[in-house]
Amino acid sequence: MNYVLALLLPPLSILFAGRPIVAIVTFVIWIPAVIFSGGLTHPMFILLAWILILQGREDRRARQYGRND
């Protein structure tokens, strides 16, 4: 579900991934970038959101199995 949200509203998806400060910074940059570029920069923010979601999932998996890599 978070991946679908990342397609539409990347800053909100980043917030739900557990990165509130990164979400705020992304939101502040995302709004003017989308307005001034006409949406051309939107895929960059989608990739950022997906990377952070995957990273959070890997962190949870590592904590669950007790790995400290």
C-alpha atoms as a PDB file:
ATOM      1  CA  MET A   1       0.000   0.000   0.000  1.00  0.00           C
ATOM      2  CA  ASN A   2       2.857   2.349   0.803  1.00  0.00           C
ATOM      3  CA  TYR A   3       4.278   1.856  -2.688  1.00  0.00           C
ATOM      4  CA  VAL A   4       1.018   3.053  -4.263  1.00  0.00           C
ATOM      5  CA  LEU A   5       1.005   6.046  -1.958  1.00  0.00           C
ATOM      6  CA  ALA A   6       4.585   6.778  -3.057  1.00  0.00           C
ATOM      7  CA  LEU A   7       3.331   7.122  -6.628  1.00  0.00           C
ATOM      8  CA  LEU A   8       0.842   9.829  -5.680  1.00  0.00           C
ATOM      9  CA  LEU A   9       2.274  11.583  -2.611  1.00  0.00           C
ATOM     10  CA  PRO A  10       5.923  10.682  -1.995  1.00  0.00           C
ATOM     11  CA  PRO A  11       6.381  12.892   1.117  1.00  0.00           C
ATOM     12  CA  LEU A  12       3.427  11.243   2.863  1.00  0.00           C
ATOM     13  CA  SER A  13       4.751   7.816   1.961  1.00  0.00           C
ATOM     14  CA  ILE A  14       8.145   8.728   3.413  1.00  0.00           C
ATOM     15  CA  LEU A  15       6.399   9.868   6.599  1.00  0.00           C
ATOM     16  CA  PHE A  16       4.610   6.508   6.868  1.00  0.00           C
ATOM     17  CA  ALA A  17       7.946   4.746   6.308  1.00  0.00           C
ATOM     18  CA  GLY A  18       9.101   6.234   9.617  1.00  0.00           C
ATOM     19  CA  ARG A  19      11.242   9.140   8.413  1.00  0.00           C
ATOM     20  CA  PRO A  20       9.433  12.301   9.606  1.00  0.00           C
ATOM     21  CA  ILE A  21      12.315  14.774   9.169  1.00  0.00           C
ATOM     22  CA  VAL A  22      13.134  13.486   5.689  1.00  0.00           C
ATOM     23  CA  ALA A  23       9.410  13.689   4.866  1.00  0.00           C
ATOM     24  CA  ILE A  24       9.251  17.355   5.889  1.00  0.00           C
ATOM     25  CA  VAL A  25      12.364  18.252   3.914  1.00  0.00           C
ATOM     26  CA  THR A  26      11.070  16.312   0.915  1.00  0.00           C
ATOM     27  CA  PHE A  27       7.707  18.062   1.114  1.00  0.00           C
ATOM     28  CA  VAL A  28       9.348  21.483   1.206  1.00  0.00           C
ATOM     29  CA  ILE A  29      11.370  20.627  -1.902  1.00  0.00           C
ATOM     30  CA  TRP A  30       8.656  18.576  -3.660  1.00  0.00           C
ATOM     31  CA  ILE A  31       5.951  21.258  -3.885  1.00  0.00           C
ATOM     32  CA  PRO A  32       8.021  23.901  -5.717  1.00  0.00           C
ATOM     33  CA  ALA A  33       9.746  21.246  -7.836  1.00  0.00           C
ATOM     34  CA  VAL A  34       6.432  19.866  -9.089  1.00  0.00           C
ATOM     35  CA  ILE A  35       4.991  23.338  -9.692  1.00  0.00           C
ATOM     36  CA  PHE A  36       7.977  24.826 -11.501  1.00  0.00           C
ATOM     37  CA  SER A  37       8.967  21.758 -13.527  1.00  0.00           C
ATOM     38  CA  GLY A  38       5.443  20.769 -14.444  1.00  0.00           C
ATOM     39  CA  GLY A  39       5.819  17.371 -12.791  1.00  0.00           C
ATOM     40  CA  LEU A  40       9.069  16.357 -14.492  1.00  0.00           C
ATOM     41  CA  THR A  41      10.847  15.916 -11.146  1.00  0.00           C
ATOM     42  CA  HIS A  42       8.080  13.767  -9.621  1.00  0.00           C
ATOM     43  CA  PRO A  43       9.733  10.425 -10.590  1.00  0.00           C
ATOM     44  CA  MET A  44      12.841  11.399  -8.631  1.00  0.00           C
ATOM     45  CA  PHE A  45      10.765  11.724  -5.454  1.00  0.00           C
ATOM     46  CA  ILE A  46       8.987   8.429  -6.178  1.00  0.00           C
ATOM     47  CA  LEU A  47      12.375   6.696  -6.362  1.00  0.00           C
ATOM     48  CA  LEU A  48      13.451   8.333  -3.111  1.00  0.00           C
ATOM     49  CA  ALA A  49      10.285   7.123  -1.384  1.00  0.00           C
ATOM     50  CA  TRP A  50      10.689   3.566  -2.707  1.00  0.00           C
ATOM     51  CA  ILE A  51      14.328   3.421  -1.610  1.00  0.00           C
ATOM     52  CA  LEU A  52      13.424   4.592   1.896  1.00  0.00           C
ATOM     53  CA  ILE A  53      10.559   2.080   2.103  1.00  0.00           C
ATOM     54  CA  LEU A  54      12.881  -0.755   1.068  1.00  0.00           C
ATOM     55  CA  GLN A  55      15.562   0.402   3.501  1.00  0.00           C
ATOM     56  CA  GLY A  56      13.062   0.469   6.363  1.00  0.00           C
ATOM     57  CA  ARG A  57      11.880  -3.015   5.481  1.00  0.00           C
ATOM     58  CA  GLU A  58      15.461  -4.316   5.468  1.00  0.00           C
ATOM     59  CA  ASP A  59      16.145  -2.644   8.833  1.00  0.00           C
ATOM     60  CA  ARG A  60      13.082  -4.303  10.356  1.00  0.00           C
ATOM     61  CA  ARG A  61      14.080  -7.663   8.910  1.00  0.00           C
ATOM     62  CA  ALA A  62      17.611  -7.318  10.317  1.00  0.00           C
ATOM     63  CA  ARG A  63      16.282  -6.435  13.764  1.00  0.00           C
ATOM     64  CA  GLN A  64      13.853  -9.342  13.667  1.00  0.00           C
ATOM     65  CA  TYR A  65      16.564 -11.899  12.950  1.00  0.00           C
ATOM     66  CA  GLY A  66      19.156 -10.262  15.191  1.00  0.00           C
ATOM     67  CA  ARG A  67      21.655  -9.382  12.496  1.00  0.00           C
ATOM     68  CA  ASN A  68      23.856  -6.340  13.020  1.00  0.00           C
ATOM     69  CA  ASP A  69      25.312  -5.938   9.518  1.00  0.00           C
END
